[in-house]
N, C-alpha and C. Protein backbone atom coordinates (compact mmCIF):
# COMPACT_ATOMS: atom_id res chain seq x y z
N UNK A 1 3.76 -10.88 16.82
CA UNK A 1 4.48 -11.90 16.09
C UNK A 1 5.83 -12.17 16.75
N UNK A 2 5.85 -12.38 18.02
CA UNK A 2 7.11 -12.67 18.69
C UNK A 2 7.99 -11.45 18.78
N UNK A 3 9.30 -11.68 18.73
CA UNK A 3 10.24 -10.58 18.87
C UNK A 3 10.43 -9.78 17.58
N UNK A 4 9.92 -10.33 16.46
CA UNK A 4 10.03 -9.61 15.18
C UNK A 4 8.65 -9.49 14.57
N UNK A 5 8.32 -8.31 14.11
CA UNK A 5 7.03 -8.10 13.48
C UNK A 5 7.05 -8.48 12.02
N UNK A 6 8.21 -8.32 11.37
CA UNK A 6 8.32 -8.60 9.94
C UNK A 6 9.64 -9.29 9.64
N UNK A 7 9.59 -10.17 8.65
CA UNK A 7 10.78 -10.84 8.16
C UNK A 7 10.78 -10.73 6.65
N UNK A 8 11.86 -10.20 6.08
CA UNK A 8 11.96 -10.05 4.63
C UNK A 8 13.26 -10.69 4.15
N UNK A 9 13.15 -11.49 3.11
CA UNK A 9 14.32 -12.06 2.44
C UNK A 9 14.64 -11.16 1.26
N UNK A 10 15.82 -10.56 1.30
CA UNK A 10 16.24 -9.63 0.25
C UNK A 10 17.44 -10.22 -0.48
N UNK A 11 17.31 -10.40 -1.78
CA UNK A 11 18.39 -10.91 -2.61
C UNK A 11 19.26 -9.75 -3.07
N UNK A 12 20.56 -9.99 -3.18
CA UNK A 12 21.48 -9.03 -3.77
C UNK A 12 22.19 -9.77 -4.90
N UNK A 13 21.88 -9.36 -6.15
CA UNK A 13 22.41 -10.05 -7.32
C UNK A 13 23.13 -9.07 -8.23
N UNK A 14 23.94 -9.62 -9.11
CA UNK A 14 24.69 -8.83 -10.08
C UNK A 14 25.93 -9.61 -10.46
N UNK A 15 26.62 -9.13 -11.45
CA UNK A 15 27.83 -9.79 -11.92
C UNK A 15 28.88 -9.86 -10.82
N UNK A 16 29.83 -10.71 -11.03
CA UNK A 16 30.95 -10.86 -10.10
C UNK A 16 31.70 -9.54 -9.96
N UNK A 17 32.11 -9.23 -8.75
CA UNK A 17 32.97 -8.08 -8.44
C UNK A 17 32.30 -6.72 -8.60
N UNK A 18 30.95 -6.66 -8.53
CA UNK A 18 30.29 -5.35 -8.59
C UNK A 18 30.19 -4.70 -7.21
N UNK A 19 30.48 -5.47 -6.15
CA UNK A 19 30.49 -4.91 -4.81
C UNK A 19 29.35 -5.37 -3.91
N UNK A 20 28.73 -6.49 -4.24
CA UNK A 20 27.62 -6.99 -3.43
C UNK A 20 28.05 -7.29 -2.00
N UNK A 21 29.13 -8.01 -1.84
CA UNK A 21 29.62 -8.36 -0.51
C UNK A 21 30.04 -7.11 0.27
N UNK A 22 30.68 -6.19 -0.39
CA UNK A 22 31.08 -4.93 0.26
C UNK A 22 29.86 -4.16 0.75
N UNK A 23 28.83 -4.11 -0.07
CA UNK A 23 27.60 -3.41 0.32
C UNK A 23 27.01 -4.03 1.58
N UNK A 24 26.91 -5.35 1.60
CA UNK A 24 26.32 -6.01 2.77
C UNK A 24 27.19 -5.86 4.01
N UNK A 25 28.49 -5.99 3.86
CA UNK A 25 29.38 -5.81 5.02
C UNK A 25 29.27 -4.40 5.59
N UNK A 26 29.16 -3.44 4.72
CA UNK A 26 29.04 -2.05 5.17
C UNK A 26 27.70 -1.81 5.86
N UNK A 27 26.62 -2.33 5.26
CA UNK A 27 25.28 -2.12 5.82
C UNK A 27 25.07 -2.89 7.12
N UNK A 28 25.47 -4.13 7.17
CA UNK A 28 25.19 -4.98 8.32
C UNK A 28 26.20 -4.77 9.45
N UNK A 29 27.49 -4.71 9.11
CA UNK A 29 28.54 -4.66 10.14
C UNK A 29 29.23 -3.31 10.25
N UNK A 30 28.87 -2.36 9.38
CA UNK A 30 29.50 -1.04 9.32
C UNK A 30 31.01 -1.17 9.16
N UNK A 31 31.41 -2.08 8.28
CA UNK A 31 32.83 -2.35 8.00
C UNK A 31 33.02 -2.26 6.49
N UNK A 32 34.11 -1.62 6.10
CA UNK A 32 34.45 -1.58 4.68
C UNK A 32 35.89 -2.02 4.52
N UNK A 33 36.08 -2.98 3.65
CA UNK A 33 37.43 -3.45 3.34
C UNK A 33 37.63 -3.43 1.83
N UNK A 34 38.84 -3.27 1.42
CA UNK A 34 39.11 -3.23 -0.02
C UNK A 34 39.27 -4.61 -0.63
N UNK A 35 39.59 -5.59 0.20
CA UNK A 35 39.85 -6.93 -0.31
C UNK A 35 38.78 -7.90 0.16
N UNK A 36 38.11 -8.51 -0.78
CA UNK A 36 37.11 -9.53 -0.49
C UNK A 36 37.38 -10.74 -1.35
N UNK A 37 37.02 -11.89 -0.82
CA UNK A 37 37.14 -13.13 -1.59
C UNK A 37 35.83 -13.35 -2.35
N UNK A 38 35.94 -14.02 -3.47
CA UNK A 38 34.79 -14.31 -4.30
C UNK A 38 33.76 -15.12 -3.50
N UNK A 39 32.49 -14.74 -3.62
CA UNK A 39 31.42 -15.49 -2.98
C UNK A 39 31.22 -16.79 -3.74
N UNK A 40 31.16 -17.88 -2.99
CA UNK A 40 30.95 -19.20 -3.59
C UNK A 40 29.50 -19.60 -3.37
N UNK A 41 28.70 -19.50 -4.39
CA UNK A 41 27.29 -19.86 -4.27
C UNK A 41 26.47 -18.74 -3.66
N UNK A 42 26.39 -18.73 -2.35
CA UNK A 42 25.60 -17.72 -1.67
C UNK A 42 26.21 -17.46 -0.28
N UNK A 43 26.03 -16.26 0.19
CA UNK A 43 26.42 -15.90 1.56
C UNK A 43 25.22 -15.18 2.18
N UNK A 44 25.15 -15.17 3.49
CA UNK A 44 24.00 -14.60 4.17
C UNK A 44 24.44 -13.55 5.18
N UNK A 45 23.56 -12.62 5.41
CA UNK A 45 23.75 -11.65 6.48
C UNK A 45 22.38 -11.34 7.06
N UNK A 46 22.35 -10.96 8.31
CA UNK A 46 21.10 -10.63 8.97
C UNK A 46 21.20 -9.23 9.55
N UNK A 47 20.19 -8.43 9.28
CA UNK A 47 20.14 -7.06 9.81
C UNK A 47 18.79 -6.88 10.49
N UNK A 48 18.83 -6.47 11.74
CA UNK A 48 17.61 -6.19 12.49
C UNK A 48 17.45 -4.68 12.52
N UNK A 49 16.28 -4.22 12.14
CA UNK A 49 16.00 -2.79 12.04
C UNK A 49 14.82 -2.45 12.94
N UNK A 50 14.98 -1.45 13.77
CA UNK A 50 13.86 -0.94 14.57
C UNK A 50 13.06 -0.03 13.66
N UNK A 51 11.94 -0.53 13.15
CA UNK A 51 11.16 0.20 12.15
C UNK A 51 10.39 1.36 12.79
N UNK A 52 9.84 1.10 13.96
CA UNK A 52 9.13 2.13 14.71
C UNK A 52 9.25 1.78 16.19
N UNK A 53 8.59 2.55 17.03
CA UNK A 53 8.64 2.25 18.47
C UNK A 53 8.11 0.85 18.77
N UNK A 54 7.18 0.39 17.96
CA UNK A 54 6.52 -0.88 18.25
C UNK A 54 6.86 -2.00 17.26
N UNK A 55 7.62 -1.71 16.20
CA UNK A 55 7.85 -2.71 15.15
C UNK A 55 9.33 -2.96 14.88
N UNK A 56 9.65 -4.24 14.81
CA UNK A 56 11.00 -4.68 14.46
C UNK A 56 10.94 -5.40 13.11
N UNK A 57 11.97 -5.18 12.30
CA UNK A 57 12.06 -5.85 11.00
C UNK A 57 13.37 -6.62 10.96
N UNK A 58 13.29 -7.86 10.51
CA UNK A 58 14.48 -8.68 10.33
C UNK A 58 14.68 -8.84 8.83
N UNK A 59 15.84 -8.43 8.35
CA UNK A 59 16.20 -8.56 6.94
C UNK A 59 17.19 -9.70 6.78
N UNK A 60 16.80 -10.70 6.02
CA UNK A 60 17.73 -11.76 5.62
C UNK A 60 18.30 -11.32 4.29
N UNK A 61 19.57 -11.00 4.24
CA UNK A 61 20.22 -10.49 3.03
C UNK A 61 21.03 -11.63 2.41
N UNK A 62 20.68 -11.97 1.18
CA UNK A 62 21.31 -13.09 0.48
C UNK A 62 22.22 -12.54 -0.61
N UNK A 63 23.50 -12.71 -0.42
CA UNK A 63 24.55 -12.28 -1.36
C UNK A 63 24.76 -13.44 -2.34
N UNK A 64 24.20 -13.29 -3.54
CA UNK A 64 24.24 -14.36 -4.55
C UNK A 64 25.49 -14.19 -5.41
N UNK A 65 26.26 -15.27 -5.55
CA UNK A 65 27.48 -15.22 -6.36
C UNK A 65 27.14 -14.82 -7.79
N UNK A 66 28.00 -14.01 -8.39
CA UNK A 66 27.76 -13.51 -9.73
C UNK A 66 28.37 -14.34 -10.84
N UNK A 67 29.14 -15.36 -10.51
CA UNK A 67 29.78 -16.17 -11.54
C UNK A 67 28.75 -17.06 -12.22
N UNK A 68 28.92 -17.22 -13.51
CA UNK A 68 27.97 -17.99 -14.30
C UNK A 68 27.85 -19.44 -13.82
N UNK A 69 28.92 -19.99 -13.28
CA UNK A 69 28.87 -21.40 -12.88
C UNK A 69 27.92 -21.65 -11.71
N UNK A 70 27.47 -20.60 -11.03
CA UNK A 70 26.56 -20.77 -9.92
C UNK A 70 25.09 -20.51 -10.29
N UNK A 71 24.82 -20.13 -11.53
CA UNK A 71 23.46 -19.76 -11.91
C UNK A 71 22.48 -20.93 -11.87
N UNK A 72 22.97 -22.16 -11.95
CA UNK A 72 22.05 -23.30 -11.89
C UNK A 72 21.41 -23.43 -10.52
N UNK A 73 21.97 -22.81 -9.51
CA UNK A 73 21.45 -22.90 -8.15
C UNK A 73 20.53 -21.74 -7.78
N UNK A 74 20.40 -20.75 -8.65
CA UNK A 74 19.68 -19.54 -8.25
C UNK A 74 18.22 -19.80 -7.91
N UNK A 75 17.57 -20.76 -8.55
CA UNK A 75 16.16 -21.03 -8.23
C UNK A 75 16.01 -21.33 -6.73
N UNK A 76 16.92 -22.11 -6.19
CA UNK A 76 16.88 -22.42 -4.75
C UNK A 76 17.12 -21.18 -3.90
N UNK A 77 18.08 -20.35 -4.31
CA UNK A 77 18.41 -19.14 -3.55
C UNK A 77 17.28 -18.12 -3.61
N UNK A 78 16.59 -18.03 -4.74
CA UNK A 78 15.55 -17.03 -4.92
C UNK A 78 14.26 -17.36 -4.17
N UNK A 79 14.06 -18.60 -3.81
CA UNK A 79 12.81 -19.06 -3.22
C UNK A 79 12.41 -18.20 -2.03
N UNK A 80 11.15 -17.75 -2.03
CA UNK A 80 10.53 -16.94 -0.97
C UNK A 80 11.17 -15.56 -0.80
N UNK A 81 11.76 -15.03 -1.85
CA UNK A 81 12.33 -13.68 -1.77
C UNK A 81 11.22 -12.65 -1.67
N UNK A 82 11.47 -11.61 -0.89
CA UNK A 82 10.54 -10.50 -0.73
C UNK A 82 10.93 -9.31 -1.60
N UNK A 83 12.23 -9.19 -1.88
CA UNK A 83 12.73 -8.05 -2.64
C UNK A 83 14.10 -8.41 -3.20
N UNK A 84 14.58 -7.56 -4.12
CA UNK A 84 15.87 -7.82 -4.75
C UNK A 84 16.58 -6.51 -5.06
N UNK A 85 17.88 -6.52 -4.84
CA UNK A 85 18.75 -5.42 -5.26
C UNK A 85 19.59 -5.96 -6.42
N UNK A 86 19.50 -5.33 -7.57
CA UNK A 86 20.32 -5.71 -8.72
C UNK A 86 21.42 -4.67 -8.83
N UNK A 87 22.66 -5.11 -8.66
CA UNK A 87 23.79 -4.18 -8.63
C UNK A 87 24.62 -4.23 -9.90
N UNK A 88 25.21 -3.09 -10.22
CA UNK A 88 26.21 -3.04 -11.29
C UNK A 88 27.32 -2.07 -10.89
N UNK A 89 28.44 -2.22 -11.56
CA UNK A 89 29.64 -1.43 -11.31
C UNK A 89 29.69 -0.31 -12.35
N UNK A 90 29.70 0.93 -11.90
CA UNK A 90 29.73 2.07 -12.84
C UNK A 90 30.94 2.07 -13.75
N UNK A 91 31.99 1.38 -13.36
CA UNK A 91 33.19 1.35 -14.21
C UNK A 91 33.20 0.16 -15.16
N UNK A 92 32.13 -0.63 -15.15
CA UNK A 92 32.08 -1.83 -15.97
C UNK A 92 30.75 -1.87 -16.72
N UNK A 93 30.77 -1.42 -17.96
CA UNK A 93 29.53 -1.37 -18.76
C UNK A 93 28.89 -2.74 -18.93
N UNK A 94 29.69 -3.79 -19.01
CA UNK A 94 29.12 -5.13 -19.15
C UNK A 94 28.28 -5.51 -17.94
N UNK A 95 28.70 -5.08 -16.76
CA UNK A 95 27.92 -5.40 -15.56
C UNK A 95 26.55 -4.72 -15.59
N UNK A 96 26.49 -3.54 -16.21
CA UNK A 96 25.20 -2.87 -16.37
C UNK A 96 24.33 -3.62 -17.38
N UNK A 97 24.93 -4.02 -18.49
CA UNK A 97 24.17 -4.74 -19.51
C UNK A 97 23.63 -6.07 -18.97
N UNK A 98 24.29 -6.65 -17.99
CA UNK A 98 23.85 -7.92 -17.41
C UNK A 98 22.65 -7.76 -16.48
N UNK A 99 22.35 -6.55 -16.07
CA UNK A 99 21.25 -6.33 -15.12
C UNK A 99 19.93 -6.87 -15.65
N UNK A 100 19.66 -6.69 -16.94
CA UNK A 100 18.41 -7.20 -17.51
C UNK A 100 18.38 -8.73 -17.44
N UNK A 101 19.53 -9.37 -17.64
CA UNK A 101 19.60 -10.83 -17.52
C UNK A 101 19.28 -11.26 -16.09
N UNK A 102 19.81 -10.55 -15.10
CA UNK A 102 19.53 -10.89 -13.70
C UNK A 102 18.05 -10.71 -13.39
N UNK A 103 17.46 -9.63 -13.89
CA UNK A 103 16.03 -9.39 -13.66
C UNK A 103 15.19 -10.48 -14.32
N UNK A 104 15.52 -10.84 -15.55
CA UNK A 104 14.78 -11.89 -16.25
C UNK A 104 14.90 -13.22 -15.52
N UNK A 105 16.11 -13.53 -15.05
CA UNK A 105 16.34 -14.78 -14.33
C UNK A 105 15.46 -14.83 -13.08
N UNK A 106 15.43 -13.74 -12.35
CA UNK A 106 14.60 -13.66 -11.14
C UNK A 106 13.13 -13.83 -11.49
N UNK A 107 12.65 -13.07 -12.48
CA UNK A 107 11.24 -13.11 -12.86
C UNK A 107 10.82 -14.49 -13.35
N UNK A 108 11.72 -15.23 -13.98
CA UNK A 108 11.40 -16.55 -14.49
C UNK A 108 11.43 -17.63 -13.42
N UNK A 109 12.02 -17.34 -12.27
CA UNK A 109 12.21 -18.39 -11.27
C UNK A 109 11.41 -18.21 -9.98
N UNK A 110 10.91 -17.01 -9.72
CA UNK A 110 10.21 -16.79 -8.45
C UNK A 110 9.22 -15.63 -8.58
N UNK A 111 8.13 -15.74 -7.84
CA UNK A 111 7.18 -14.64 -7.70
C UNK A 111 6.81 -14.54 -6.22
N UNK A 112 6.16 -13.45 -5.89
CA UNK A 112 5.64 -13.30 -4.53
C UNK A 112 4.48 -14.28 -4.33
N UNK A 113 4.04 -14.45 -3.10
CA UNK A 113 2.95 -15.39 -2.82
C UNK A 113 1.65 -15.02 -3.52
N UNK A 114 1.48 -13.74 -3.87
CA UNK A 114 0.28 -13.31 -4.59
C UNK A 114 0.44 -13.39 -6.11
N UNK A 115 1.57 -13.92 -6.59
CA UNK A 115 1.80 -14.09 -8.01
C UNK A 115 2.48 -12.91 -8.69
N UNK A 116 2.66 -11.82 -7.99
CA UNK A 116 3.33 -10.65 -8.57
C UNK A 116 4.84 -10.87 -8.60
N UNK A 117 5.50 -10.11 -9.47
CA UNK A 117 6.96 -10.18 -9.56
C UNK A 117 7.60 -9.63 -8.29
N UNK A 118 8.75 -10.16 -7.96
CA UNK A 118 9.51 -9.68 -6.81
C UNK A 118 9.98 -8.26 -7.11
N UNK A 119 9.69 -7.29 -6.24
CA UNK A 119 10.14 -5.92 -6.50
C UNK A 119 11.66 -5.81 -6.43
N UNK A 120 12.21 -5.02 -7.34
CA UNK A 120 13.66 -4.86 -7.44
C UNK A 120 14.03 -3.39 -7.51
N UNK A 121 15.23 -3.11 -7.04
CA UNK A 121 15.83 -1.80 -7.28
C UNK A 121 17.14 -2.03 -8.02
N UNK A 122 17.50 -1.07 -8.83
CA UNK A 122 18.76 -1.10 -9.57
C UNK A 122 19.73 -0.19 -8.83
N UNK A 123 20.89 -0.75 -8.45
CA UNK A 123 21.85 0.00 -7.65
C UNK A 123 23.19 0.11 -8.37
N UNK A 124 23.60 1.34 -8.66
CA UNK A 124 24.90 1.60 -9.27
C UNK A 124 25.94 1.69 -8.15
N UNK A 125 27.06 1.01 -8.31
CA UNK A 125 28.08 0.98 -7.27
C UNK A 125 29.42 1.46 -7.81
N UNK A 126 30.32 1.76 -6.91
CA UNK A 126 31.69 2.19 -7.18
C UNK A 126 31.79 3.55 -7.88
N UNK A 127 30.99 4.53 -7.48
CA UNK A 127 31.10 5.84 -8.13
C UNK A 127 32.46 6.49 -7.92
N UNK A 128 33.10 6.19 -6.79
CA UNK A 128 34.41 6.79 -6.52
C UNK A 128 35.48 6.27 -7.47
N UNK A 129 35.24 5.14 -8.09
CA UNK A 129 36.22 4.56 -9.01
C UNK A 129 36.16 5.16 -10.42
N UNK A 130 35.09 5.90 -10.69
CA UNK A 130 34.93 6.45 -12.03
C UNK A 130 36.13 7.29 -12.45
N UNK A 131 36.61 8.11 -11.55
CA UNK A 131 37.69 9.02 -11.91
C UNK A 131 39.04 8.56 -11.37
N UNK A 132 39.02 7.72 -10.33
CA UNK A 132 40.29 7.26 -9.77
C UNK A 132 40.97 6.23 -10.67
N UNK A 133 40.24 5.61 -11.57
CA UNK A 133 40.82 4.60 -12.46
C UNK A 133 41.25 5.20 -13.80
N UNK A 134 41.22 6.51 -13.89
CA UNK A 134 41.61 7.21 -15.12
C UNK A 134 40.82 6.73 -16.33
N UNK A 135 39.54 6.44 -16.10
CA UNK A 135 38.68 6.07 -17.22
C UNK A 135 38.32 7.33 -18.00
N UNK A 136 38.21 7.21 -19.30
CA UNK A 136 37.81 8.39 -20.06
C UNK A 136 36.40 8.82 -19.66
N UNK A 137 36.15 10.10 -19.68
CA UNK A 137 34.84 10.63 -19.33
C UNK A 137 33.75 10.04 -20.22
N UNK A 138 34.10 9.69 -21.44
CA UNK A 138 33.11 9.10 -22.34
C UNK A 138 32.58 7.78 -21.79
N UNK A 139 33.40 7.04 -21.04
CA UNK A 139 32.95 5.78 -20.44
C UNK A 139 31.76 6.04 -19.52
N UNK A 140 31.88 7.07 -18.68
CA UNK A 140 30.79 7.43 -17.78
C UNK A 140 29.53 7.78 -18.56
N UNK A 141 29.67 8.57 -19.61
CA UNK A 141 28.50 8.99 -20.37
C UNK A 141 27.86 7.84 -21.14
N UNK A 142 28.65 6.87 -21.56
CA UNK A 142 28.08 5.70 -22.22
C UNK A 142 27.18 4.94 -21.25
N UNK A 143 27.67 4.68 -20.05
CA UNK A 143 26.85 3.96 -19.06
C UNK A 143 25.64 4.80 -18.65
N UNK A 144 25.84 6.10 -18.45
CA UNK A 144 24.73 6.97 -18.10
C UNK A 144 23.67 6.96 -19.20
N UNK A 145 24.10 7.01 -20.44
CA UNK A 145 23.16 6.95 -21.56
C UNK A 145 22.39 5.64 -21.60
N UNK A 146 23.07 4.54 -21.35
CA UNK A 146 22.40 3.24 -21.32
C UNK A 146 21.39 3.18 -20.18
N UNK A 147 21.74 3.76 -19.04
CA UNK A 147 20.83 3.76 -17.90
C UNK A 147 19.58 4.59 -18.22
N UNK A 148 19.76 5.73 -18.83
CA UNK A 148 18.62 6.58 -19.18
C UNK A 148 17.71 5.86 -20.17
N UNK A 149 18.29 5.23 -21.18
CA UNK A 149 17.50 4.48 -22.15
C UNK A 149 16.74 3.36 -21.45
N UNK A 150 17.40 2.66 -20.55
CA UNK A 150 16.76 1.57 -19.81
C UNK A 150 15.58 2.11 -19.00
N UNK A 151 15.78 3.21 -18.29
CA UNK A 151 14.72 3.76 -17.46
C UNK A 151 13.54 4.26 -18.29
N UNK A 152 13.82 4.75 -19.48
CA UNK A 152 12.74 5.23 -20.35
C UNK A 152 11.99 4.09 -21.04
N UNK A 153 12.72 3.07 -21.45
CA UNK A 153 12.11 1.98 -22.21
C UNK A 153 11.56 0.84 -21.36
N UNK A 154 12.13 0.62 -20.19
CA UNK A 154 11.73 -0.53 -19.37
C UNK A 154 10.25 -0.56 -19.08
N UNK A 155 9.59 0.57 -18.74
CA UNK A 155 8.14 0.50 -18.50
C UNK A 155 7.36 0.10 -19.76
N UNK A 156 7.89 0.42 -20.91
CA UNK A 156 7.20 0.07 -22.15
C UNK A 156 7.34 -1.41 -22.47
N UNK A 157 8.38 -2.05 -21.95
CA UNK A 157 8.63 -3.46 -22.22
C UNK A 157 7.83 -4.38 -21.32
N UNK A 158 7.30 -3.85 -20.22
CA UNK A 158 6.56 -4.69 -19.26
C UNK A 158 5.13 -4.93 -19.71
């Protein structure tokens, strides 16, 4: 198949400021910065991975803006997605609660070519901020409890 054996479009979604752009910059360019500008609509990154001695994989990483005003465009951004990363900020319980909304939005707007749902992973971000922001320990346990409930109940809801 030419110079690339596989091409995958991977969406990165989640509320604003959960660290989507930071994740992609770190993964693709091995750069981490503390200051990022808000993503307007969508941003792209490309990562080429040597999968094996004989196989190359090209990952198209789509950083989808988390602001509500951009959600009307998500159907276009989601088109032909192969996978999705749904991110939340461990220091922001609301960003975790929004993950189900992001998953539902994706499931309602796109499927794989065989009709199955786009596979997703749930990614918790900013663990180093849990204690550096002087958040009460109860904040961490509230989010952890919500995550455990989600993981236990989600298979029953499908």
